[in-house]
Amino acid sequence: MSRVAISKIGDNLKEAILNCFEPFGTIRNFIPSSSEGKIFLKINGVHYTPFSYTDPDLINGLIELFRNICSNDIFIIENCTSGNFTRLVLHIAGITEVIKKWNSKGVHLIYMDEEPPCTVKLGKDQYEVEIPQIIHDELIKNRLKNVYISLPKLKAHWSTKITLGIKLQLGFLYDQSKAIRHDIYHKQRLVDILELIYPDFCLVDGKVGVARGPTPPARIIDEYIHTYGILFGGTDVVAVDAIGGKLLGFKNLEVETTKIAHERKLGCGDINQIEIVGNENLDAYIKQIPYLFKYEFPKEVKLVEGADKICFDGCQGLTLVALETLYLELGIEKSFSIIYGAGFKKQDLENLKEPILLIGPCAVEDIGTYLRSKYQNIIEVNTCGTLGAYIDAIMETFGVNPFAFVPINPVESMLLYLMAKTKGLKALLPSIPSLDVIIQTITGQTKQIPDSLIQDPEFIEVLEILSMNDDVKIRSTLAPLVCELLIKRNFHASVKILLRSLDDSSEKVVLATLKAMRPLSESSVSRSDPLFEKLKELKLSKDPKLLRIIEKNFPFL
């Protein structure tokens, strides 16, 4: 019989964590057998809205418990929902800050949407998806050497009814692969992932339960949150999901992902065959939590659905949940039309409100030509199951700047994007300016960059990578930024980057750097600084353009 442990959190979070591991041989049973083995903690960081993510205190508590009994490297891994990027989500959620305090003690944060990809095959059809190379190497190829613990949040979900241990693993796929079979096969696909990568332990953050998930609108969040005050977990992730489904108010095997996994014998999803371990009465915690979205949209939006090819888990549901979330978050009233599906009657397409969002390849193929002949303002999204693309189209219609939408200073969010993109970001995001435009935008506003980012070694690494970028435009726009950081934020790592820029093979970059350095002659930067020694060296080059700029801006040389 499968077992699931339940523990009230109370005043001692770490004790509650240990109580969940105790029936399975204590937490020591989940240390790799070799000192070279690694511990992977897959958290829930789907979005930065409050209560959408695994509680940072739970993450910190589990890290501390492991660090007290072993020295194995610990990797915190996540890949957020489509239409966003993980570095931003975890920064806003406070998770990055928690984890980086442990960096010197062998704890590493992996933004999976920035990692190199590799291809794996799923399901009986062996369809291909892309996952991070590190996941393939450590949790598939070398699975027996390492320990993998999942840390989902107790949440209802508009599509899958619940999002717990099974659903959490969709984060292993990149955005492009998340869209594959995200229609009538979505729930089976989640179990396909479980067949490939199975956690050693699933520990659920049940401090609160979230209705209509996965991301409650922050503006009206109180009506989405239900207090539970518990943790629960076990080695059978299917059984853990079954208990989570019961806690959220679902009947036995009503949740499709649990039922499919149970039928494939990946675990026990039948409540009647699961032993509850612990001093807590499970029935006392059961609540009826709404899971479907509220169907609250701008009053002047016209929804047009085809007679067939409607996929609730695909274009229909993803579009509507994106529309509702943005509407409830922003409160923006707009007049426009949304069309998806196929099999339309011509009378359904008369007097549509523009702009018209034509969503999905079924609709584009069926009526795209006709609509283009009849209307002027059409936004086509010719992809299936691509949430990020649907969010982009709705944001464009709402007239929302993606950086202005984020609940932190836009300069801070742009800098995080710059870092993520430089490190290999592959997420499908709303339309965002090019890197050189972002660099130019940040320049002049560096006082708004938090000290935590300025002092982050990764920030220095990213600037150095940018200074060697193949694009001359990026290299030439970087100099004003690093000069400003040197003057206004005493960022001495700028010196190394500026010296590299002055040695650049492109005259455009060298000239741009010299012009950007003009304020240095009037700053507190010492004139014996290596930068001024480099200028003296350039002055001897006899290049007339360089000489004019140096003599004009640095006459003391």
Protein backbone atom coordinates (compact mmCIF):
# COMPACT_ATOMS: atom_id res chain seq x y z
CA MET A 1 0.00 0.00 0.00
CA SER A 2 1.30 3.46 -0.90
CA ARG A 3 1.77 5.95 1.91
CA VAL A 4 1.52 9.72 2.12
CA ALA A 5 2.67 11.63 5.20
CA ILE A 6 0.87 14.76 6.34
CA SER A 7 2.20 17.25 8.88
CA LYS A 8 0.86 20.48 10.30
CA ILE A 9 3.36 23.31 9.80
CA GLY A 10 2.78 25.08 13.11
CA ASP A 11 5.68 27.12 14.50
CA ASN A 12 8.45 24.78 13.37
CA LEU A 13 8.70 24.43 9.60
CA LYS A 14 11.79 22.21 9.64
CA GLU A 15 10.13 19.81 12.06
CA ALA A 16 7.13 19.61 9.72
CA ILE A 17 9.48 18.81 6.81
CA LEU A 18 11.19 16.06 8.81
CA ASN A 19 7.81 14.62 9.81
CA CYS A 20 6.97 14.12 6.14
CA PHE A 21 10.22 12.25 5.48
CA GLU A 22 10.16 10.21 8.70
CA PRO A 23 7.84 7.40 7.53
CA PHE A 24 10.14 6.79 4.54
CA GLY A 25 13.32 6.18 6.55
CA THR A 26 14.04 9.82 7.51
CA ILE A 27 15.55 12.50 5.30
CA ARG A 28 18.93 10.71 5.41
CA ASN A 29 17.49 8.10 3.06
CA PHE A 30 17.40 10.80 0.38
CA ILE A 31 21.10 11.58 0.32
CA PRO A 32 23.01 10.23 -2.71
CA SER A 33 25.03 7.11 -1.93
CA SER A 34 28.20 8.74 -3.31
CA SER A 35 29.74 12.09 -2.35
CA GLU A 36 29.72 12.88 -6.08
CA GLY A 37 25.96 12.43 -6.28
CA LYS A 38 23.79 15.52 -6.54
CA ILE A 39 20.48 16.54 -4.98
CA PHE A 40 17.99 18.21 -7.32
CA LEU A 41 15.09 20.21 -5.90
CA LYS A 42 12.47 21.01 -8.55
CA ILE A 43 10.49 23.93 -7.19
CA ASN A 44 7.28 25.52 -8.41
CA GLY A 45 8.14 28.97 -9.77
CA VAL A 46 5.46 29.20 -12.44
CA HIS A 47 4.94 32.96 -11.98
CA TYR A 48 5.80 35.81 -9.65
CA THR A 49 2.28 36.64 -8.46
CA PRO A 50 1.95 35.95 -4.71
CA PHE A 51 1.20 32.36 -3.69
CA SER A 52 1.98 31.02 -7.19
CA TYR A 53 5.33 29.57 -6.15
CA THR A 54 6.88 27.26 -3.56
CA ASP A 55 7.34 29.18 -0.31
CA PRO A 56 10.96 30.46 -0.10
CA ASP A 57 11.01 29.49 3.59
CA LEU A 58 10.25 25.87 2.67
CA ILE A 59 13.04 25.88 0.07
CA ASN A 60 15.45 27.40 2.58
CA GLY A 61 14.42 24.97 5.32
CA LEU A 62 14.96 21.91 3.13
CA ILE A 63 18.34 23.20 1.93
CA GLU A 64 19.40 23.75 5.54
CA LEU A 65 18.31 20.27 6.61
CA PHE A 66 20.29 18.67 3.78
CA ARG A 67 23.30 20.89 4.30
CA ASN A 68 23.42 19.91 7.99
CA ILE A 69 23.78 16.21 7.16
CA CYS A 70 25.65 16.08 3.84
CA SER A 71 28.02 18.04 1.60
CA ASN A 72 26.60 16.90 -1.76
CA ASP A 73 25.97 19.66 -4.28
CA ILE A 74 22.34 20.84 -4.27
CA PHE A 75 20.71 22.16 -7.43
CA ILE A 76 17.51 24.22 -7.31
CA ILE A 77 15.91 23.93 -10.73
CA GLU A 78 12.92 25.59 -12.40
CA ASN A 79 11.51 26.76 -15.71
CA CYS A 80 8.53 29.09 -15.36
CA THR A 81 5.37 29.30 -17.46
CA SER A 82 5.38 30.37 -21.11
CA GLY A 83 5.29 34.12 -21.66
CA ASN A 84 7.72 34.80 -18.82
CA PHE A 85 11.30 33.96 -17.88
CA THR A 86 12.53 32.15 -14.80
CA ARG A 87 15.24 34.58 -13.72
CA LEU A 88 12.63 37.34 -13.40
CA VAL A 89 10.06 35.14 -11.66
CA LEU A 90 12.42 33.82 -8.99
CA HIS A 91 13.94 37.28 -8.42
CA ILE A 92 10.56 38.87 -7.73
CA ALA A 93 9.41 35.90 -5.64
CA GLY A 94 12.45 36.28 -3.35
CA ILE A 95 13.64 32.77 -4.18
CA THR A 96 16.84 33.92 -5.88
CA GLU A 97 17.88 35.85 -2.77
CA VAL A 98 17.30 32.82 -0.55
CA ILE A 99 19.30 30.45 -2.73
CA LYS A 100 22.23 32.76 -3.44
CA LYS A 101 22.90 32.99 0.30
CA TRP A 102 23.84 29.32 0.05
CA ASN A 103 26.05 29.67 -3.06
CA SER A 104 29.30 29.38 -1.12
CA LYS A 105 28.06 26.12 0.43
CA GLY A 106 27.51 24.13 -2.71
CA VAL A 107 23.97 25.21 -3.55
CA HIS A 108 23.33 26.17 -7.18
CA LEU A 109 20.38 27.85 -8.88
CA ILE A 110 19.61 26.57 -12.38
CA TYR A 111 17.34 28.62 -14.64
CA MET A 112 16.39 25.78 -16.96
CA ASP A 113 15.15 28.12 -19.72
CA GLU A 114 18.76 29.36 -20.06
CA GLU A 115 20.37 25.91 -20.26
CA PRO A 116 21.63 24.18 -23.44
CA PRO A 117 18.96 21.83 -24.85
CA CYS A 118 18.88 18.20 -25.89
CA THR A 119 16.18 16.06 -27.47
CA VAL A 120 14.37 13.19 -25.74
CA LYS A 121 11.43 11.01 -26.77
CA LEU A 122 8.20 10.65 -24.82
CA GLY A 123 5.30 8.22 -24.70
CA LYS A 124 4.47 5.16 -26.71
CA ASP A 125 4.62 7.25 -29.90
CA GLN A 126 8.16 8.39 -29.03
CA TYR A 127 7.45 12.00 -30.01
CA GLU A 128 10.37 14.38 -29.59
CA VAL A 129 10.64 17.26 -27.12
CA GLU A 130 13.55 19.35 -25.89
CA ILE A 131 14.70 19.44 -22.28
CA PRO A 132 17.81 20.97 -20.65
CA GLN A 133 20.99 18.96 -21.18
CA ILE A 134 21.65 18.98 -17.42
CA ILE A 135 18.32 17.23 -16.79
CA HIS A 136 19.08 14.57 -19.38
CA ASP A 137 22.57 13.98 -17.99
CA GLU A 138 21.72 13.98 -14.28
CA LEU A 139 18.09 12.82 -14.01
CA ILE A 140 17.94 10.38 -16.93
CA LYS A 141 21.41 9.17 -17.92
CA ASN A 142 22.92 9.21 -14.41
CA ARG A 143 19.62 8.88 -12.55
CA LEU A 144 20.82 6.30 -10.00
CA LYS A 145 23.68 8.54 -8.81
CA ASN A 146 21.45 11.49 -7.95
CA VAL A 147 18.40 12.33 -5.84
CA TYR A 148 15.45 14.25 -7.24
CA ILE A 149 12.84 15.84 -4.95
CA SER A 150 9.89 17.82 -6.28
CA LEU A 151 8.37 20.71 -4.31
CA PRO A 152 5.00 21.63 -5.82
CA LYS A 153 2.54 24.15 -4.46
CA LEU A 154 -1.00 23.06 -3.54
CA LYS A 155 -3.02 24.59 -6.37
CA ALA A 156 -6.11 23.93 -8.41
CA HIS A 157 -5.66 24.34 -12.17
CA TRP A 158 -8.07 25.46 -14.88
CA SER A 159 -6.98 22.68 -17.29
CA THR A 160 -5.79 19.72 -15.20
CA LYS A 161 -7.93 20.37 -12.10
CA ILE A 162 -4.81 20.22 -9.90
CA THR A 163 -1.18 21.15 -10.41
CA LEU A 164 1.03 19.12 -8.09
CA GLY A 165 3.78 16.54 -8.57
CA ILE A 166 2.79 15.30 -12.03
CA LYS A 167 1.97 18.70 -13.54
CA LEU A 168 5.07 20.28 -11.98
CA GLN A 169 7.29 18.36 -14.40
CA LEU A 170 6.01 20.22 -17.47
CA GLY A 171 8.71 22.70 -16.46
CA PHE A 172 11.34 20.28 -17.78
CA LEU A 173 10.24 21.20 -21.32
CA TYR A 174 11.20 24.38 -23.15
CA ASP A 175 8.35 26.64 -24.29
CA GLN A 176 8.37 25.32 -27.86
CA SER A 177 8.08 21.77 -26.57
CA LYS A 178 5.41 22.70 -24.01
CA ALA A 179 3.21 23.55 -26.99
CA ILE A 180 3.61 20.09 -28.54
CA ARG A 181 0.38 18.08 -27.98
CA HIS A 182 -0.99 20.82 -25.70
CA ASP A 183 -4.48 20.13 -27.04
CA ILE A 184 -6.43 16.89 -26.68
CA TYR A 185 -3.33 14.97 -25.48
CA HIS A 186 -2.12 17.40 -22.81
CA LYS A 187 -2.94 15.29 -19.75
CA GLN A 188 -1.48 12.09 -21.21
CA ARG A 189 1.66 14.03 -22.14
CA LEU A 190 2.18 15.04 -18.50
CA VAL A 191 2.17 11.37 -17.55
CA ASP A 192 4.56 10.66 -20.44
CA ILE A 193 7.03 13.03 -18.75
CA LEU A 194 6.53 11.23 -15.44
CA GLU A 195 7.39 7.91 -17.11
CA LEU A 196 10.71 9.40 -18.20
CA ILE A 197 11.61 11.34 -15.03
CA TYR A 198 10.20 10.17 -11.70
CA PRO A 199 10.98 11.96 -8.42
CA ASP A 200 12.42 10.13 -5.42
CA PHE A 201 10.18 12.18 -3.15
CA CYS A 202 7.39 14.71 -3.64
CA LEU A 203 6.87 17.25 -0.84
CA VAL A 204 3.87 19.56 -1.29
CA ASP A 205 3.77 23.11 0.07
CA GLY A 206 0.26 23.17 1.51
CA LYS A 207 0.58 26.32 3.58
CA VAL A 208 -2.27 27.62 1.43
CA GLY A 209 -4.29 26.20 -1.43
CA VAL A 210 -4.80 28.30 -4.56
CA ALA A 211 -8.06 28.37 -6.50
CA ARG A 212 -8.39 28.75 -10.28
CA GLY A 213 -4.63 28.30 -10.73
CA PRO A 214 -1.92 28.35 -11.60
CA THR A 215 -1.47 32.13 -11.14
CA PRO A 216 -4.02 34.13 -9.13
CA PRO A 217 -4.32 37.82 -10.10
CA ALA A 218 -2.46 39.87 -7.47
CA ARG A 219 -5.05 42.66 -7.59
CA ILE A 220 -7.81 40.41 -6.21
CA ILE A 221 -5.74 37.65 -4.68
CA ASP A 222 -7.64 37.22 -1.39
CA GLU A 223 -10.56 35.41 -3.01
CA TYR A 224 -8.18 32.83 -4.52
CA ILE A 225 -6.36 31.83 -1.31
CA HIS A 226 -7.51 29.13 1.13
CA THR A 227 -5.52 28.36 4.29
CA TYR A 228 -4.40 24.76 4.92
CA GLY A 229 -1.23 25.10 7.02
CA ILE A 230 0.21 21.69 6.14
CA LEU A 231 2.92 19.85 4.28
CA PHE A 232 2.36 16.41 2.78
CA GLY A 233 4.49 14.08 0.72
CA GLY A 234 5.79 10.66 -0.16
CA THR A 235 7.80 8.55 -2.55
CA ASP A 236 4.75 7.74 -4.71
CA VAL A 237 4.06 10.98 -6.56
CA VAL A 238 0.78 9.60 -7.94
CA ALA A 239 -0.47 8.92 -4.41
CA VAL A 240 0.65 12.40 -3.32
CA ASP A 241 -1.34 13.90 -6.20
CA ALA A 242 -4.34 11.79 -5.26
CA ILE A 243 -4.26 13.15 -1.71
CA GLY A 244 -3.79 16.68 -3.05
CA GLY A 245 -6.80 16.23 -5.30
CA LYS A 246 -8.90 15.11 -2.34
CA LEU A 247 -7.75 18.10 -0.28
CA LEU A 248 -8.87 20.41 -3.10
CA GLY A 249 -12.30 18.78 -3.20
CA PHE A 250 -12.09 16.28 -6.07
CA LYS A 251 -13.53 12.76 -6.03
CA ASN A 252 -11.43 9.60 -6.15
CA LEU A 253 -9.66 9.32 -9.55
CA GLU A 254 -11.58 12.35 -10.84
CA VAL A 255 -8.32 14.12 -11.74
CA GLU A 256 -7.31 12.84 -15.18
CA THR A 257 -3.52 12.97 -14.70
CA THR A 258 -3.79 10.94 -11.48
CA LYS A 259 -6.11 8.42 -13.14
CA ILE A 260 -3.89 8.00 -16.23
CA ALA A 261 -0.75 7.55 -14.09
CA HIS A 262 -2.63 5.05 -11.89
CA GLU A 263 -3.75 3.06 -14.94
CA ARG A 264 -0.20 3.01 -16.28
CA LYS A 265 0.91 1.63 -12.88
CA LEU A 266 3.24 4.55 -12.18
CA GLY A 267 1.84 4.78 -8.68
CA CYS A 268 -1.36 4.46 -6.71
CA GLY A 269 -4.03 7.04 -7.46
CA ASP A 270 -6.86 5.24 -5.66
CA ILE A 271 -7.54 7.00 -2.35
CA ASN A 272 -8.85 3.75 -0.85
CA GLN A 273 -5.45 2.11 -1.29
CA ILE A 274 -3.35 4.92 0.20
CA GLU A 275 -2.29 4.98 3.84
CA ILE A 276 -2.20 8.42 5.47
CA VAL A 277 0.67 8.66 7.98
CA GLY A 278 0.84 11.33 10.66
CA ASN A 279 -1.20 12.74 13.48
CA GLU A 280 -3.35 14.94 11.26
CA ASN A 281 -6.91 14.08 10.24
CA LEU A 282 -6.98 14.44 6.46
CA ASP A 283 -10.74 14.95 6.32
CA ALA A 284 -10.43 18.04 8.49
CA TYR A 285 -8.49 19.78 5.72
CA ILE A 286 -10.69 18.99 2.72
CA LYS A 287 -12.13 22.07 0.99
CA GLN A 288 -14.11 22.58 -2.23
CA ILE A 289 -11.74 24.82 -4.20
CA PRO A 290 -12.89 26.24 -7.57
CA TYR A 291 -10.56 25.22 -10.37
CA LEU A 292 -11.99 26.70 -13.57
CA PHE A 293 -11.22 30.31 -14.45
CA LYS A 294 -13.95 32.82 -13.73
CA TYR A 295 -14.78 33.77 -17.32
CA GLU A 296 -14.39 37.45 -16.50
CA PHE A 297 -13.28 39.36 -19.59
CA PRO A 298 -13.50 42.97 -20.82
CA LYS A 299 -17.19 43.73 -21.49
CA GLU A 300 -16.60 44.75 -25.11
CA VAL A 301 -14.64 41.65 -26.12
CA LYS A 302 -16.43 39.47 -28.66
CA LEU A 303 -15.54 35.76 -28.57
CA VAL A 304 -16.21 33.80 -31.76
CA GLU A 305 -15.83 30.02 -31.57
CA GLY A 306 -15.89 27.66 -34.54
CA ALA A 307 -18.28 24.75 -34.62
CA ASP A 308 -15.42 22.25 -34.43
CA LYS A 309 -11.70 21.83 -33.69
CA ILE A 310 -12.09 23.56 -30.32
CA CYS A 311 -9.39 22.41 -27.88
CA PHE A 312 -10.02 23.50 -24.31
CA ASP A 313 -6.47 22.54 -23.30
CA GLY A 314 -5.09 24.28 -26.40
CA CYS A 315 -5.99 27.51 -28.19
CA GLN A 316 -9.33 28.05 -26.45
CA GLY A 317 -8.34 27.59 -22.81
CA LEU A 318 -4.86 29.09 -23.10
CA THR A 319 -6.22 32.19 -24.83
CA LEU A 320 -9.07 32.68 -22.35
CA VAL A 321 -6.92 32.15 -19.26
CA ALA A 322 -4.37 34.66 -20.62
CA LEU A 323 -7.15 37.15 -21.35
CA GLU A 324 -8.78 36.74 -17.94
CA THR A 325 -5.52 36.89 -15.98
CA LEU A 326 -4.40 40.10 -17.71
CA TYR A 327 -7.86 41.64 -17.40
CA LEU A 328 -8.25 40.85 -13.69
CA GLU A 329 -4.69 42.02 -13.05
CA LEU A 330 -4.86 45.27 -15.01
CA GLY A 331 -8.57 46.11 -15.10
CA ILE A 332 -8.23 47.40 -18.68
CA GLU A 333 -11.43 47.66 -20.75
CA LYS A 334 -10.85 47.24 -24.49
CA SER A 335 -13.04 46.53 -27.49
CA PHE A 336 -11.81 43.73 -29.78
CA SER A 337 -12.62 40.23 -31.08
CA ILE A 338 -11.03 36.83 -30.45
CA ILE A 339 -11.56 33.95 -32.88
CA TYR A 340 -10.43 30.32 -32.54
CA GLY A 341 -11.45 26.90 -33.83
CA ALA A 342 -12.84 26.05 -37.28
CA GLY A 343 -16.18 25.55 -39.03
CA PHE A 344 -17.46 29.13 -38.91
CA LYS A 345 -20.67 30.47 -40.42
CA LYS A 346 -20.24 33.67 -42.44
CA GLN A 347 -22.86 35.46 -40.31
CA ASP A 348 -20.64 34.84 -37.26
CA LEU A 349 -17.90 36.90 -38.92
CA GLU A 350 -19.97 40.01 -39.63
CA ASN A 351 -19.49 43.30 -37.77
CA LEU A 352 -16.51 42.10 -35.77
CA LYS A 353 -14.82 44.54 -33.43
CA GLU A 354 -11.27 45.34 -34.47
CA PRO A 355 -8.55 44.50 -33.75
CA ILE A 356 -9.30 40.85 -34.40
CA LEU A 357 -7.13 38.21 -32.69
CA LEU A 358 -7.12 35.17 -34.97
CA ILE A 359 -5.82 32.41 -32.71
CA GLY A 360 -4.39 29.09 -33.82
CA PRO A 361 -3.64 27.36 -37.14
CA CYS A 362 -7.17 25.89 -37.38
CA ALA A 363 -8.75 29.36 -37.46
CA VAL A 364 -6.01 30.87 -39.63
CA GLU A 365 -6.36 28.13 -42.24
CA ASP A 366 -10.16 28.13 -42.16
CA ILE A 367 -10.99 31.86 -42.36
CA GLY A 368 -7.71 33.80 -42.45
CA THR A 369 -7.98 34.71 -46.15
CA TYR A 370 -11.63 35.74 -45.80
CA LEU A 371 -11.01 37.96 -42.78
CA ARG A 372 -8.03 39.66 -44.39
CA SER A 373 -10.24 40.60 -47.35
CA LYS A 374 -12.89 42.06 -45.06
CA TYR A 375 -11.04 43.68 -42.12
CA GLN A 376 -7.92 45.82 -41.69
CA ASN A 377 -6.64 45.20 -38.16
CA ILE A 378 -5.98 41.47 -37.70
CA ILE A 379 -3.42 39.96 -35.33
CA GLU A 380 -2.67 36.38 -36.38
CA VAL A 381 -1.19 33.84 -33.96
CA ASN A 382 -0.59 30.85 -36.23
CA THR A 383 0.70 28.49 -33.52
CA CYS A 384 -0.98 25.74 -31.53
CA GLY A 385 -0.82 25.66 -27.74
CA THR A 386 1.71 28.50 -27.44
CA LEU A 387 0.71 30.46 -24.35
CA GLY A 388 3.50 33.02 -24.71
CA ALA A 389 2.28 33.96 -28.21
CA TYR A 390 -1.30 34.38 -26.99
CA ILE A 391 -0.13 36.58 -24.11
CA ASP A 392 1.88 38.66 -26.57
CA ALA A 393 -1.17 39.22 -28.80
CA ILE A 394 -3.41 40.21 -25.89
CA MET A 395 -0.75 42.53 -24.42
CA GLU A 396 -0.43 44.20 -27.84
CA THR A 397 -4.21 44.64 -27.96
CA PHE A 398 -4.29 46.04 -24.42
CA GLY A 399 -1.37 48.35 -25.28
CA VAL A 400 0.69 47.03 -22.37
CA ASN A 401 4.49 47.30 -22.26
CA PRO A 402 5.72 43.94 -20.92
CA PHE A 403 8.33 45.65 -18.71
CA ALA A 404 5.78 48.12 -17.33
CA PHE A 405 3.49 45.21 -16.44
CA VAL A 406 6.08 43.62 -14.16
CA PRO A 407 5.71 44.63 -10.46
CA ILE A 408 9.28 45.92 -10.07
CA ASN A 409 11.20 48.86 -11.51
CA PRO A 410 11.30 48.46 -15.34
CA VAL A 411 15.07 49.08 -15.33
CA GLU A 412 15.51 46.16 -12.96
CA SER A 413 13.36 43.84 -15.08
CA MET A 414 15.16 44.92 -18.27
CA LEU A 415 18.51 44.20 -16.66
CA LEU A 416 17.32 40.73 -15.60
CA TYR A 417 16.19 40.09 -19.17
CA LEU A 418 19.57 41.28 -20.46
CA MET A 419 21.28 38.82 -18.13
CA ALA A 420 18.96 35.96 -19.05
CA LYS A 421 19.21 36.55 -22.78
CA THR A 422 22.99 36.77 -22.61
CA LYS A 423 23.11 33.45 -20.73
CA GLY A 424 21.03 31.69 -23.40
CA LEU A 425 17.33 32.39 -22.66
CA LYS A 426 15.01 30.35 -24.90
CA ALA A 427 11.61 31.36 -23.49
CA LEU A 428 8.86 32.55 -25.85
CA LEU A 429 8.16 36.07 -24.59
CA PRO A 430 5.99 39.05 -25.52
CA SER A 431 7.62 41.41 -28.02
CA ILE A 432 10.72 42.86 -26.36
CA PRO A 433 13.25 45.36 -27.80
CA SER A 434 16.64 44.19 -29.04
CA LEU A 435 19.57 43.93 -26.61
CA ASP A 436 21.25 47.13 -27.85
CA VAL A 437 18.01 49.08 -27.33
CA ILE A 438 17.67 47.65 -23.81
CA ILE A 439 21.28 48.60 -23.02
CA GLN A 440 20.63 52.15 -24.25
CA THR A 441 17.44 52.34 -22.17
CA ILE A 442 19.19 51.22 -18.98
CA THR A 443 22.01 53.75 -19.56
CA GLY A 444 21.07 56.96 -17.80
CA GLN A 445 19.04 55.08 -15.20
CA THR A 446 21.71 53.02 -13.46
CA LYS A 447 20.91 54.57 -10.08
CA GLN A 448 17.71 52.51 -10.17
CA ILE A 449 19.60 49.19 -10.34
CA PRO A 450 19.46 47.42 -6.95
CA ASP A 451 22.75 46.89 -5.11
CA SER A 452 22.06 43.14 -5.06
CA LEU A 453 22.33 43.03 -8.86
CA ILE A 454 25.34 45.33 -9.06
CA GLN A 455 27.17 43.10 -6.58
CA ASP A 456 26.15 39.85 -8.27
CA PRO A 457 29.22 38.16 -9.86
CA GLU A 458 26.91 36.97 -12.63
CA PHE A 459 26.20 40.59 -13.56
CA ILE A 460 29.92 41.17 -14.15
CA GLU A 461 30.12 37.96 -16.17
CA VAL A 462 27.21 39.05 -18.38
CA LEU A 463 28.77 42.47 -19.10
CA GLU A 464 32.03 40.78 -20.06
CA ILE A 465 30.17 38.42 -22.39
CA LEU A 466 28.37 41.36 -23.99
CA SER A 467 31.68 43.18 -24.51
CA MET A 468 32.71 40.25 -26.75
CA ASN A 469 29.39 39.91 -28.57
CA ASP A 470 29.57 39.43 -32.34
CA ASP A 471 27.20 42.37 -32.87
CA VAL A 472 29.15 45.66 -33.16
CA LYS A 473 26.02 47.58 -32.22
CA ILE A 474 25.83 45.80 -28.85
CA ARG A 475 29.53 46.29 -28.13
CA SER A 476 29.40 50.00 -28.98
CA THR A 477 26.28 50.67 -26.85
CA LEU A 478 27.79 48.88 -23.86
CA ALA A 479 30.54 51.49 -23.22
CA PRO A 480 28.22 54.30 -22.05
CA LEU A 481 26.53 51.87 -19.65
CA VAL A 482 29.72 50.61 -18.02
CA CYS A 483 31.17 54.15 -17.83
CA GLU A 484 28.06 55.32 -16.04
CA LEU A 485 28.28 52.36 -13.67
CA LEU A 486 31.88 53.28 -12.88
CA ILE A 487 31.06 56.92 -12.15
CA LYS A 488 27.66 56.67 -10.46
CA ARG A 489 27.89 53.26 -8.79
CA ASN A 490 31.65 52.90 -8.24
CA PHE A 491 31.55 49.73 -10.33
CA HIS A 492 35.26 49.03 -10.81
CA ALA A 493 34.63 45.94 -12.94
CA SER A 494 33.87 48.51 -15.67
CA VAL A 495 37.58 49.19 -16.10
CA LYS A 496 38.35 45.73 -17.48
CA ILE A 497 35.43 45.96 -19.91
CA LEU A 498 36.38 49.45 -21.09
CA LEU A 499 39.97 48.37 -21.67
CA ARG A 500 38.68 45.53 -23.82
CA SER A 501 36.46 47.97 -25.73
CA LEU A 502 39.40 50.28 -26.39
CA ASP A 503 41.23 47.30 -27.92
CA ASP A 504 38.23 46.34 -30.04
CA SER A 505 38.83 45.47 -33.69
CA SER A 506 35.96 47.76 -34.69
CA GLU A 507 36.76 51.45 -34.98
CA LYS A 508 33.10 52.17 -34.25
CA VAL A 509 33.39 50.48 -30.84
CA VAL A 510 36.65 52.28 -29.97
CA LEU A 511 35.25 55.69 -30.93
CA ALA A 512 32.01 55.06 -29.04
CA THR A 513 34.03 54.05 -25.97
CA LEU A 514 36.19 57.18 -26.11
CA LYS A 515 33.12 59.42 -26.33
CA ALA A 516 31.48 57.55 -23.48
CA MET A 517 34.60 58.02 -21.32
CA ARG A 518 34.44 61.83 -21.55
CA PRO A 519 32.76 62.21 -18.09
CA LEU A 520 35.63 60.27 -16.53
CA SER A 521 37.94 63.28 -16.96
CA GLU A 522 35.75 65.22 -14.52
CA SER A 523 34.97 62.33 -12.17
CA SER A 524 36.71 61.03 -9.09
CA VAL A 525 38.40 58.30 -11.12
CA SER A 526 42.15 58.59 -10.56
CA ARG A 527 44.14 59.87 -13.51
CA SER A 528 46.67 57.18 -12.85
CA ASP A 529 43.95 54.63 -13.56
CA PRO A 530 44.82 52.01 -16.24
CA LEU A 531 42.16 53.58 -18.44
CA PHE A 532 44.11 56.82 -18.77
CA GLU A 533 47.30 54.89 -19.37
CA LYS A 534 45.50 53.18 -22.21
CA LEU A 535 44.44 56.57 -23.61
CA LYS A 536 48.06 57.70 -23.64
CA GLU A 537 48.90 54.59 -25.59
CA LEU A 538 46.11 55.29 -28.11
CA LYS A 539 47.32 58.87 -28.49
CA LEU A 540 50.52 57.50 -29.97
CA SER A 541 48.62 55.62 -32.66
CA LYS A 542 48.60 58.65 -35.03
CA ASP A 543 44.99 57.86 -35.98
CA PRO A 544 43.48 61.33 -36.71
CA LYS A 545 39.97 60.39 -35.49
CA LEU A 546 41.30 59.03 -32.22
CA LEU A 547 43.60 61.99 -31.73
CA ARG A 548 40.79 64.51 -32.22
CA ILE A 549 38.54 62.79 -29.69
CA ILE A 550 41.31 62.28 -27.13
CA GLU A 551 42.62 65.84 -27.38
CA LYS A 552 39.10 67.28 -27.18
CA ASN A 553 37.88 65.19 -24.25
CA PHE A 554 41.08 64.54 -22.35
CA PRO A 555 43.29 67.63 -22.82
CA PHE A 556 45.25 66.89 -19.64
CA LEU A 557 46.84 63.90 -21.40
